[in-house]
Each structure stands twice: as C-alpha cells, then as structure tokens.
Amino acid sequence: MNYYEIDALSNSSLSVLAKSPQSFHAQYVAKTMKGEETEAMALGSAVHMLALEPQRFEQEYDVHEGPINAKTGKCYGRDTKAFEEWLTTIDPSFKWIMRDELDEVKKIATAFQSHATIADLMGHDCDFERPYSMTWRHDDGWTTSLKCKPDCVIVGQSVILDLKTTQDASPSKWQWSALDFGYHRQAAIYLDTLEAMYSKPFRFLFGVVSKKEPYEVAVYKLSEDDLDRGRDEYHALIAEYRRRVEENDWLAEWQVGEVELCLPFRRRGQ
C-alpha cells in the first residue's frame, strides 16, 4: 500500500492540526483538499533520492531540457506561459527534473554524502523510506494509529538518519527551522515507533545540507529535553485530535467569538 494511503496520523498531519484544525479536517478527514507539492518540495525529494538511493534515482527520474528560448538559448523560467504549456506534454505519472536543476541537486547530494559521519553511516546496511507504524493506546482503551517513513534506518547501528535541505545549515539558523516544522515531534515519533518495533533504543540524527553554495553540511541530534518536549506535544495533539473527532469541532480558538488583537508594533528606534 502507498504510504500516503495508510489511515494513520503522522508528524506531518499533526503539524497541520497544530496550525489549523480546519485545514486538517479538510485534508485528512473530509479529504476535500489535497496538499500541493511545491517546487522546493519536488527538488527536496530529488535530493533525498539521489543522496540516499542514486541507483533508484536513475530508474525513476527523467531528465528534460525544457522549452528553449530561441533568442537566449536558455530554458524558459517556470513562471512563464511557455513553460506551463510545455508541462502539458510531460506524462504526470513519471518523475522528472530539469537538467539545470539536476546539476544543483547533484552538488547538494554530493555534499551530503561527503560528510564523514554520514559517509560512515551509509556504509552500513540501511532500510530506505520503509513505512513503520505503531498503535497509541489510551488508558480508557481508545486507540490511535501513528505512521512514519524514515529516510534511512541503520538497524545494526540503532540509528535513524533524516536528510533535511535548508537555506542555512548553521545551528543558530536551523534550530528555528527545526522548531517551526516540528522536527522535535518528528524525532520523538520516529524514535518511539522504532524502539517499540525493535525493543531497543535508537539515536535520531538530522543530516542537514544547505541548498546554496558552498553546500554546508551538519549532523545534528536533539537534546533529551527537546525530545521529551516533542513527545509531550505529539501526545497532546493526539488527545486534541480525539476530542475534535468526538465533538466534530474543527475551529481554532481564534475562530470563535470576538478576539482582541494586539498589533506587533516595533519599539521606537528599531
């Protein structure tokens, strides 16, 4: 079964619930809205596959030159009508990438693979993008299914490796991205799921690579306090999900009644 067809909560869906219960309902309950893959997400997927499974990349991706501007000799930009018309000629069932984008993806993937810690981990047997799931049982017998699909699990080394592309891989910047995207919840869910399955503790490592030159790479692990916070948050979101299902309530607090709004004026001189 396709991972996205598995009827279970994930960090991605819980993150949507945390930001907008109504969007969660539309996307995951009523299923009247689909999440759209952005250009950045598509390139991120290409980086993942080329960095982790280069042989699979060659089998699944087609490389295209795209519509060429006769005057400049270069490919039209993605925001042009010529490019939109050209897209209609591409089979939507196939994965594809532009040749100039592929050059950039190769540089990012090579940088990721060149990090000493990552190179050492990738030298061991690894399960790539295998779906895992666990059942969350509440004290009153109510159950919730959780799912996850780690980028790379090295069972023999008890390590989960997750690749993240970013604008800035430095710790002072990436920590804010990790918080904004709920990566502490993701790590907690993945650790709890894998540890329940294999009956042993795992380590969760983020392999973070910058999408721009010089393609800096870092390997980060979260503190136990951050993992505990992520665990508390995903437990709380599961409880919120249960309540909203039972009460059929999908409105955020700010959507109910009158809400006093304080404008974010800057202090004078800032």
C-alpha atoms as a PDB file:
ATOM      1  CA  MET A   1       0.000   0.000   0.000  1.00  0.00           C
ATOM      2  CA  ASN A   2       1.110   3.549  -0.750  1.00  0.00           C
ATOM      3  CA  TYR A   3       2.381   5.249   2.426  1.00  0.00           C
ATOM      4  CA  TYR A   4       0.017   8.175   1.954  1.00  0.00           C
ATOM      5  CA  GLU A   5      -2.970   5.818   1.788  1.00  0.00           C
ATOM      6  CA  ILE A   6      -2.267   4.362   5.240  1.00  0.00           C
ATOM      7  CA  ASP A   7      -5.008   5.610   7.561  1.00  0.00           C
ATOM      8  CA  ALA A   8      -2.884   6.876  10.452  1.00  0.00           C
ATOM      9  CA  LEU A   9      -1.633  10.103  11.948  1.00  0.00           C
ATOM     10  CA  SER A  10       1.878  11.318  11.204  1.00  0.00           C
ATOM     11  CA  ASN A  11       4.049  14.223  12.243  1.00  0.00           C
ATOM     12  CA  SER A  12       3.060  16.000   9.030  1.00  0.00           C
ATOM     13  CA  SER A  13      -0.665  15.695   9.715  1.00  0.00           C
ATOM     14  CA  LEU A  14      -0.243  16.573  13.397  1.00  0.00           C
ATOM     15  CA  SER A  15       1.697  19.676  12.351  1.00  0.00           C
ATOM     16  CA  VAL A  16      -1.256  20.715  10.189  1.00  0.00           C
ATOM     17  CA  LEU A  17      -3.586  20.120  13.155  1.00  0.00           C
ATOM     18  CA  ALA A  18      -1.372  22.283  15.374  1.00  0.00           C
ATOM     19  CA  LYS A  19      -1.534  25.188  12.918  1.00  0.00           C
ATOM     20  CA  SER A  20      -5.062  24.867  11.529  1.00  0.00           C
ATOM     21  CA  PRO A  21      -7.653  22.316  12.718  1.00  0.00           C
ATOM     22  CA  GLN A  22      -9.907  23.322   9.836  1.00  0.00           C
ATOM     23  CA  SER A  23      -7.189  22.601   7.281  1.00  0.00           C
ATOM     24  CA  PHE A  24      -6.548  19.264   8.997  1.00  0.00           C
ATOM     25  CA  HIS A  25     -10.238  18.372   8.683  1.00  0.00           C
ATOM     26  CA  ALA A  26     -10.364  19.342   5.013  1.00  0.00           C
ATOM     27  CA  GLN A  27      -7.195  17.469   4.142  1.00  0.00           C
ATOM     28  CA  TYR A  28      -7.315  14.367   6.351  1.00  0.00           C
ATOM     29  CA  VAL A  29     -10.938  13.860   7.451  1.00  0.00           C
ATOM     30  CA  ALA A  30     -13.256  15.199   4.744  1.00  0.00           C
ATOM     31  CA  LYS A  31     -10.461  14.827   2.172  1.00  0.00           C
ATOM     32  CA  THR A  32     -11.792  17.715   0.130  1.00  0.00           C
ATOM     33  CA  MET A  33      -8.387  19.402  -0.006  1.00  0.00           C
ATOM     34  CA  LYS A  34      -5.075  17.963  -1.116  1.00  0.00           C
ATOM     35  CA  GLY A  35      -1.666  19.166  -0.085  1.00  0.00           C
ATOM     36  CA  GLU A  36       0.167  20.500  -3.121  1.00  0.00           C
ATOM     37  CA  GLU A  37       3.815  19.733  -3.772  1.00  0.00           C
ATOM     38  CA  THR A  38       5.770  22.955  -4.205  1.00  0.00           C
ATOM     39  CA  GLU A  39       8.794  23.346  -6.445  1.00  0.00           C
ATOM     40  CA  ALA A  40      11.024  23.340  -3.360  1.00  0.00           C
ATOM     41  CA  MET A  41       9.406  20.110  -2.113  1.00  0.00           C
ATOM     42  CA  ALA A  42       9.893  18.453  -5.503  1.00  0.00           C
ATOM     43  CA  LEU A  43      13.584  19.365  -5.580  1.00  0.00           C
ATOM     44  CA  GLY A  44      13.917  18.201  -1.978  1.00  0.00           C
ATOM     45  CA  SER A  45      12.512  14.806  -2.959  1.00  0.00           C
ATOM     46  CA  ALA A  46      15.026  14.590  -5.791  1.00  0.00           C
ATOM     47  CA  VAL A  47      17.884  15.400  -3.399  1.00  0.00           C
ATOM     48  CA  HIS A  48      16.691  12.704  -0.997  1.00  0.00           C
ATOM     49  CA  MET A  49      16.638  10.002  -3.627  1.00  0.00           C
ATOM     50  CA  LEU A  50      19.893  10.979  -5.323  1.00  0.00           C
ATOM     51  CA  ALA A  51      21.738  11.303  -1.997  1.00  0.00           C
ATOM     52  CA  LEU A  52      20.398   8.105  -0.445  1.00  0.00           C
ATOM     53  CA  GLU A  53      19.464   5.858  -3.370  1.00  0.00           C
ATOM     54  CA  PRO A  54      21.294   7.024  -6.518  1.00  0.00           C
ATOM     55  CA  GLN A  55      20.544   3.801  -8.413  1.00  0.00           C
ATOM     56  CA  ARG A  56      16.831   4.219  -7.790  1.00  0.00           C
ATOM     57  CA  PHE A  57      17.055   7.850  -8.923  1.00  0.00           C
ATOM     58  CA  GLU A  58      18.395   6.766 -12.317  1.00  0.00           C
ATOM     59  CA  GLN A  59      15.497   4.334 -12.688  1.00  0.00           C
ATOM     60  CA  GLU A  60      12.689   6.683 -11.642  1.00  0.00           C
ATOM     61  CA  TYR A  61      13.629  10.160 -12.902  1.00  0.00           C
ATOM     62  CA  ASP A  62      13.558  11.505 -16.444  1.00  0.00           C
ATOM     63  CA  VAL A  63      15.784  14.487 -17.220  1.00  0.00           C
ATOM     64  CA  HIS A  64      14.388  17.213 -19.509  1.00  0.00           C
ATOM     65  CA  GLU A  65      15.862  20.266 -21.154  1.00  0.00           C
ATOM     66  CA  GLY A  66      12.522  22.050 -21.116  1.00  0.00           C
ATOM     67  CA  PRO A  67      11.248  24.690 -23.569  1.00  0.00           C
ATOM     68  CA  ILE A  68      14.188  26.618 -25.012  1.00  0.00           C
ATOM     69  CA  ASN A  69      14.037  30.342 -25.763  1.00  0.00           C
ATOM     70  CA  ALA A  70      15.356  30.696 -29.318  1.00  0.00           C
ATOM     71  CA  LYS A  71      16.798  34.161 -28.614  1.00  0.00           C
ATOM     72  CA  THR A  72      18.687  33.369 -25.418  1.00  0.00           C
ATOM     73  CA  GLY A  73      19.278  29.657 -25.929  1.00  0.00           C
ATOM     74  CA  LYS A  74      18.193  29.057 -22.342  1.00  0.00           C
ATOM     75  CA  CYS A  75      15.200  27.286 -20.861  1.00  0.00           C
ATOM     76  CA  TYR A  76      12.145  29.417 -20.124  1.00  0.00           C
ATOM     77  CA  GLY A  77      11.527  30.054 -16.433  1.00  0.00           C
ATOM     78  CA  ARG A  78       8.927  28.056 -14.536  1.00  0.00           C
ATOM     79  CA  ASP A  79       6.739  31.146 -14.167  1.00  0.00           C
ATOM     80  CA  THR A  80       6.330  31.658 -17.932  1.00  0.00           C
ATOM     81  CA  LYS A  81       3.459  30.643 -20.190  1.00  0.00           C
ATOM     82  CA  ALA A  82       5.851  28.735 -22.445  1.00  0.00           C
ATOM     83  CA  PHE A  83       6.923  26.576 -19.519  1.00  0.00           C
ATOM     84  CA  GLU A  84       3.303  25.967 -18.440  1.00  0.00           C
ATOM     85  CA  GLU A  85       2.425  24.853 -21.978  1.00  0.00           C
ATOM     86  CA  TRP A  86       5.466  22.587 -22.068  1.00  0.00           C
ATOM     87  CA  LEU A  87       4.368  20.932 -18.808  1.00  0.00           C
ATOM     88  CA  THR A  88       1.232  19.652 -20.558  1.00  0.00           C
ATOM     89  CA  THR A  89       3.473  17.475 -22.758  1.00  0.00           C
ATOM     90  CA  ILE A  90       5.018  15.688 -19.751  1.00  0.00           C
ATOM     91  CA  ASP A  91       3.477  12.451 -18.514  1.00  0.00           C
ATOM     92  CA  PRO A  92       2.286  13.297 -14.953  1.00  0.00           C
ATOM     93  CA  SER A  93       2.771   9.672 -13.845  1.00  0.00           C
ATOM     94  CA  PHE A  94       6.554   9.971 -14.248  1.00  0.00           C
ATOM     95  CA  LYS A  95       9.018  11.830 -12.063  1.00  0.00           C
ATOM     96  CA  TRP A  96      11.056  14.387 -13.940  1.00  0.00           C
ATOM     97  CA  ILE A  97      13.629  17.082 -13.338  1.00  0.00           C
ATOM     98  CA  MET A  98      15.136  19.869 -15.403  1.00  0.00           C
ATOM     99  CA  ARG A  99      18.769  19.420 -16.417  1.00  0.00           C
ATOM    100  CA  ASP A 100      19.896  22.662 -14.761  1.00  0.00           C
ATOM    101  CA  GLU A 101      18.067  21.633 -11.588  1.00  0.00           C
ATOM    102  CA  LEU A 102      19.720  18.233 -11.720  1.00  0.00           C
ATOM    103  CA  ASP A 103      23.159  19.863 -11.714  1.00  0.00           C
ATOM    104  CA  GLU A 104      22.245  21.662  -8.492  1.00  0.00           C
ATOM    105  CA  VAL A 105      20.713  18.546  -6.946  1.00  0.00           C
ATOM    106  CA  LYS A 106      23.891  16.594  -7.678  1.00  0.00           C
ATOM    107  CA  LYS A 107      26.019  19.169  -5.870  1.00  0.00           C
ATOM    108  CA  ILE A 108      23.744  19.081  -2.810  1.00  0.00           C
ATOM    109  CA  ALA A 109      23.660  15.278  -2.756  1.00  0.00           C
ATOM    110  CA  THR A 110      27.429  15.016  -3.142  1.00  0.00           C
ATOM    111  CA  ALA A 111      27.990  17.431  -0.266  1.00  0.00           C
ATOM    112  CA  PHE A 112      25.640  15.400   1.942  1.00  0.00           C
ATOM    113  CA  GLN A 113      27.383  12.133   1.095  1.00  0.00           C
ATOM    114  CA  SER A 114      30.812  13.669   1.726  1.00  0.00           C
ATOM    115  CA  HIS A 115      30.217  14.422   5.417  1.00  0.00           C
ATOM    116  CA  ALA A 116      32.400  11.961   7.360  1.00  0.00           C
ATOM    117  CA  THR A 117      29.687  10.917   9.830  1.00  0.00           C
ATOM    118  CA  ILE A 118      27.114  10.393   7.088  1.00  0.00           C
ATOM    119  CA  ALA A 119      29.576   8.517   4.871  1.00  0.00           C
ATOM    120  CA  ASP A 120      30.326   6.162   7.764  1.00  0.00           C
ATOM    121  CA  LEU A 121      26.637   5.525   8.461  1.00  0.00           C
ATOM    122  CA  MET A 122      25.831   4.967   4.801  1.00  0.00           C
ATOM    123  CA  GLY A 123      28.500   2.272   4.720  1.00  0.00           C
ATOM    124  CA  HIS A 124      26.185   0.051   6.784  1.00  0.00           C
ATOM    125  CA  ASP A 125      23.015  -1.750   5.727  1.00  0.00           C
ATOM    126  CA  CYS A 126      20.170   0.742   5.610  1.00  0.00           C
ATOM    127  CA  ASP A 127      16.402   0.499   5.139  1.00  0.00           C
ATOM    128  CA  PHE A 128      15.400   3.383   2.859  1.00  0.00           C
ATOM    129  CA  GLU A 129      11.980   5.035   3.194  1.00  0.00           C
ATOM    130  CA  ARG A 130      10.361   1.968   4.706  1.00  0.00           C
ATOM    131  CA  PRO A 131       6.995   2.732   6.341  1.00  0.00           C
ATOM    132  CA  TYR A 132       6.640   1.936  10.040  1.00  0.00           C
ATOM    133  CA  SER A 133       3.596   2.257  12.259  1.00  0.00           C
ATOM    134  CA  MET A 134       2.526   1.842  15.865  1.00  0.00           C
ATOM    135  CA  THR A 135      -0.750   1.954  17.777  1.00  0.00           C
ATOM    136  CA  TRP A 136      -1.160   4.525  20.516  1.00  0.00           C
ATOM    137  CA  ARG A 137      -3.326   3.157  23.327  1.00  0.00           C
ATOM    138  CA  HIS A 138      -5.048   5.457  25.801  1.00  0.00           C
ATOM    139  CA  ASP A 139      -5.873   4.495  29.365  1.00  0.00           C
ATOM    140  CA  ASP A 140      -9.590   4.259  28.532  1.00  0.00           C
ATOM    141  CA  GLY A 141      -8.997   1.860  25.655  1.00  0.00           C
ATOM    142  CA  TRP A 142      -9.190   4.429  22.838  1.00  0.00           C
ATOM    143  CA  THR A 143      -6.521   3.794  20.189  1.00  0.00           C
ATOM    144  CA  THR A 144      -4.807   5.895  17.528  1.00  0.00           C
ATOM    145  CA  SER A 145      -2.501   4.704  14.773  1.00  0.00           C
ATOM    146  CA  LEU A 146       0.711   6.576  14.038  1.00  0.00           C
ATOM    147  CA  LYS A 147       2.889   6.153  10.971  1.00  0.00           C
ATOM    148  CA  CYS A 148       6.303   7.310   9.873  1.00  0.00           C
ATOM    149  CA  LYS A 149       8.665   6.751   6.947  1.00  0.00           C
ATOM    150  CA  PRO A 150      12.285   7.424   7.962  1.00  0.00           C
ATOM    151  CA  ASP A 151      14.728   8.349   5.222  1.00  0.00           C
ATOM    152  CA  CYS A 152      17.266   5.802   6.423  1.00  0.00           C
ATOM    153  CA  VAL A 153      17.261   3.324   9.316  1.00  0.00           C
ATOM    154  CA  ILE A 154      20.501   1.533  10.171  1.00  0.00           C
ATOM    155  CA  VAL A 155      19.137  -1.149  12.473  1.00  0.00           C
ATOM    156  CA  GLY A 156      22.557  -2.635  13.255  1.00  0.00           C
ATOM    157  CA  GLN A 157      23.821   0.751  14.455  1.00  0.00           C
ATOM    158  CA  SER A 158      20.482   1.699  16.088  1.00  0.00           C
ATOM    159  CA  VAL A 159      20.409   4.957  14.133  1.00  0.00           C
ATOM    160  CA  ILE A 160      17.682   6.841  12.275  1.00  0.00           C
ATOM    161  CA  LEU A 161      19.128   9.290   9.727  1.00  0.00           C
ATOM    162  CA  ASP A 162      16.905  12.025   8.325  1.00  0.00           C
ATOM    163  CA  LEU A 163      18.007  14.282   5.465  1.00  0.00           C
ATOM    164  CA  LYS A 164      16.906  17.916   5.564  1.00  0.00           C
ATOM    165  CA  THR A 165      17.638  20.557   2.941  1.00  0.00           C
ATOM    166  CA  THR A 166      17.670  24.155   4.133  1.00  0.00           C
ATOM    167  CA  GLN A 167      18.680  27.693   3.246  1.00  0.00           C
ATOM    168  CA  ASP A 168      21.114  27.918   6.152  1.00  0.00           C
ATOM    169  CA  ALA A 169      22.553  24.832   7.890  1.00  0.00           C
ATOM    170  CA  SER A 170      24.240  26.722  10.731  1.00  0.00           C
ATOM    171  CA  PRO A 171      22.950  25.792  14.214  1.00  0.00           C
ATOM    172  CA  SER A 172      21.877  29.370  15.034  1.00  0.00           C
ATOM    173  CA  LYS A 173      19.555  29.411  11.995  1.00  0.00           C
ATOM    174  CA  TRP A 174      18.487  25.800  11.573  1.00  0.00           C
ATOM    175  CA  GLN A 175      17.277  25.467  15.160  1.00  0.00           C
ATOM    176  CA  TRP A 176      14.448  27.846  14.278  1.00  0.00           C
ATOM    177  CA  SER A 177      13.513  25.795  11.220  1.00  0.00           C
ATOM    178  CA  ALA A 178      13.501  22.658  13.365  1.00  0.00           C
ATOM    179  CA  LEU A 179      11.136  24.299  15.838  1.00  0.00           C
ATOM    180  CA  ASP A 180       8.878  25.802  13.161  1.00  0.00           C
ATOM    181  CA  PHE A 181       8.457  22.492  11.321  1.00  0.00           C
ATOM    182  CA  GLY A 182       8.063  20.435  14.485  1.00  0.00           C
ATOM    183  CA  TYR A 183      11.130  18.305  13.915  1.00  0.00           C
ATOM    184  CA  HIS A 184      11.334  17.592  17.651  1.00  0.00           C
ATOM    185  CA  ARG A 185       7.909  15.925  17.353  1.00  0.00           C
ATOM    186  CA  GLN A 186       9.049  14.032  14.279  1.00  0.00           C
ATOM    187  CA  ALA A 187      12.131  12.702  16.052  1.00  0.00           C
ATOM    188  CA  ALA A 188      10.088  11.628  19.089  1.00  0.00           C
ATOM    189  CA  ILE A 189       7.503   9.806  16.948  1.00  0.00           C
ATOM    190  CA  TYR A 190      10.171   8.022  14.906  1.00  0.00           C
ATOM    191  CA  LEU A 191      12.152   7.018  17.995  1.00  0.00           C
ATOM    192  CA  ASP A 192       9.092   5.746  19.867  1.00  0.00           C
ATOM    193  CA  THR A 193       7.935   3.781  16.799  1.00  0.00           C
ATOM    194  CA  LEU A 194      11.288   2.154  16.018  1.00  0.00           C
ATOM    195  CA  GLU A 195      12.076   1.423  19.657  1.00  0.00           C
ATOM    196  CA  ALA A 196       8.686  -0.266  20.081  1.00  0.00           C
ATOM    197  CA  MET A 197       9.285  -2.368  16.980  1.00  0.00           C
ATOM    198  CA  TYR A 198      12.865  -3.450  17.710  1.00  0.00           C
ATOM    199  CA  SER A 199      12.734  -3.381  21.533  1.00  0.00           C
ATOM    200  CA  LYS A 200      15.911  -1.329  21.793  1.00  0.00           C
ATOM    201  CA  PRO A 201      16.849   2.362  21.936  1.00  0.00           C
ATOM    202  CA  PHE A 202      17.738   4.294  18.777  1.00  0.00           C
ATOM    203  CA  ARG A 203      19.510   7.563  18.058  1.00  0.00           C
ATOM    204  CA  PHE A 204      17.909  10.117  15.731  1.00  0.00           C
ATOM    205  CA  LEU A 205      20.262  12.203  13.609  1.00  0.00           C
ATOM    206  CA  PHE A 206      19.425  15.051  11.224  1.00  0.00           C
ATOM    207  CA  GLY A 207      21.715  15.319   8.209  1.00  0.00           C
ATOM    208  CA  VAL A 208      21.218  18.979   7.279  1.00  0.00           C
ATOM    209  CA  VAL A 209      22.562  20.351   3.998  1.00  0.00           C
ATOM    210  CA  SER A 210      22.386  23.881   2.617  1.00  0.00           C
ATOM    211  CA  LYS A 211      20.794  24.260  -0.824  1.00  0.00           C
ATOM    212  CA  LYS A 212      23.212  27.023  -1.841  1.00  0.00           C
ATOM    213  CA  GLU A 213      26.974  27.130  -2.281  1.00  0.00           C
ATOM    214  CA  PRO A 214      29.151  26.152  -0.522  1.00  0.00           C
ATOM    215  CA  TYR A 215      26.561  23.459   0.372  1.00  0.00           C
ATOM    216  CA  GLU A 216      27.463  23.256   4.051  1.00  0.00           C
ATOM    217  CA  VAL A 217      26.501  20.058   5.878  1.00  0.00           C
ATOM    218  CA  ALA A 218      25.920  19.382   9.575  1.00  0.00           C
ATOM    219  CA  VAL A 219      24.742  16.385  11.574  1.00  0.00           C
ATOM    220  CA  TYR A 220      22.533  17.399  14.484  1.00  0.00           C
ATOM    221  CA  LYS A 221      20.942  15.483  17.337  1.00  0.00           C
ATOM    222  CA  LEU A 222      18.370  16.942  19.694  1.00  0.00           C
ATOM    223  CA  SER A 223      18.786  17.077  23.454  1.00  0.00           C
ATOM    224  CA  GLU A 224      16.744  14.749  25.650  1.00  0.00           C
ATOM    225  CA  ASP A 225      14.794  17.781  26.860  1.00  0.00           C
ATOM    226  CA  ASP A 226      13.835  18.670  23.284  1.00  0.00           C
ATOM    227  CA  LEU A 227      12.835  15.069  22.542  1.00  0.00           C
ATOM    228  CA  ASP A 228      10.712  14.991  25.699  1.00  0.00           C
ATOM    229  CA  ARG A 229       9.056  18.230  24.598  1.00  0.00           C
ATOM    230  CA  GLY A 230       8.360  16.724  21.182  1.00  0.00           C
ATOM    231  CA  ARG A 231       6.912  13.631  22.850  1.00  0.00           C
ATOM    232  CA  ASP A 232       4.661  15.727  25.097  1.00  0.00           C
ATOM    233  CA  GLU A 233       3.490  17.758  22.106  1.00  0.00           C
ATOM    234  CA  TYR A 234       2.580  14.805  19.933  1.00  0.00           C
ATOM    235  CA  HIS A 235       0.770  13.162  22.866  1.00  0.00           C
ATOM    236  CA  ALA A 236      -1.197  16.396  23.388  1.00  0.00           C
ATOM    237  CA  LEU A 237      -2.026  16.650  19.675  1.00  0.00           C
ATOM    238  CA  ILE A 238      -3.310  13.073  19.646  1.00  0.00           C
ATOM    239  CA  ALA A 239      -5.574  13.957  22.574  1.00  0.00           C
ATOM    240  CA  GLU A 240      -6.726  17.082  20.738  1.00  0.00           C
ATOM    241  CA  TYR A 241      -7.411  15.026  17.610  1.00  0.00           C
ATOM    242  CA  ARG A 242      -9.535  12.619  19.652  1.00  0.00           C
ATOM    243  CA  ARG A 243     -11.530  15.459  21.224  1.00  0.00           C
ATOM    244  CA  ARG A 244     -12.150  17.154  17.903  1.00  0.00           C
ATOM    245  CA  VAL A 245     -13.318  13.909  16.300  1.00  0.00           C
ATOM    246  CA  GLU A 246     -15.732  13.189  19.151  1.00  0.00           C
ATOM    247  CA  GLU A 247     -17.101  16.749  19.243  1.00  0.00           C
ATOM    248  CA  ASN A 248     -16.815  17.378  15.498  1.00  0.00           C
ATOM    249  CA  ASP A 249     -15.132  20.665  16.375  1.00  0.00           C
ATOM    250  CA  TRP A 250     -12.587  21.857  13.822  1.00  0.00           C
ATOM    251  CA  LEU A 251     -12.323  25.541  14.665  1.00  0.00           C
ATOM    252  CA  ALA A 252      -9.220  27.116  16.167  1.00  0.00           C
ATOM    253  CA  GLU A 253      -9.661  29.218  19.320  1.00  0.00           C
ATOM    254  CA  TRP A 254      -9.212  32.436  17.342  1.00  0.00           C
ATOM    255  CA  GLN A 255     -12.143  31.472  15.080  1.00  0.00           C
ATOM    256  CA  VAL A 256     -14.650  31.521  17.942  1.00  0.00           C
ATOM    257  CA  GLY A 257     -16.250  34.718  19.271  1.00  0.00           C
ATOM    258  CA  GLU A 258     -14.560  38.103  19.452  1.00  0.00           C
ATOM    259  CA  VAL A 259     -10.782  38.059  19.689  1.00  0.00           C
ATOM    260  CA  GLU A 260      -8.779  41.048  20.890  1.00  0.00           C
ATOM    261  CA  LEU A 261      -5.835  41.610  18.565  1.00  0.00           C
ATOM    262  CA  CYS A 262      -2.614  43.331  19.616  1.00  0.00           C
ATOM    263  CA  LEU A 263      -0.653  44.668  16.647  1.00  0.00           C
ATOM    264  CA  PRO A 264       3.073  43.854  16.605  1.00  0.00           C
ATOM    265  CA  PHE A 265       4.283  47.470  16.658  1.00  0.00           C
ATOM    266  CA  ARG A 266       8.047  47.784  16.880  1.00  0.00           C
ATOM    267  CA  ARG A 267       9.604  49.854  19.595  1.00  0.00           C
ATOM    268  CA  ARG A 268      10.652  53.327  18.591  1.00  0.00           C
ATOM    269  CA  GLY A 269      14.115  53.314  17.049  1.00  0.00           C
ATOM    270  CA  GLN A 270      14.010  49.660  15.954  1.00  0.00           C
END
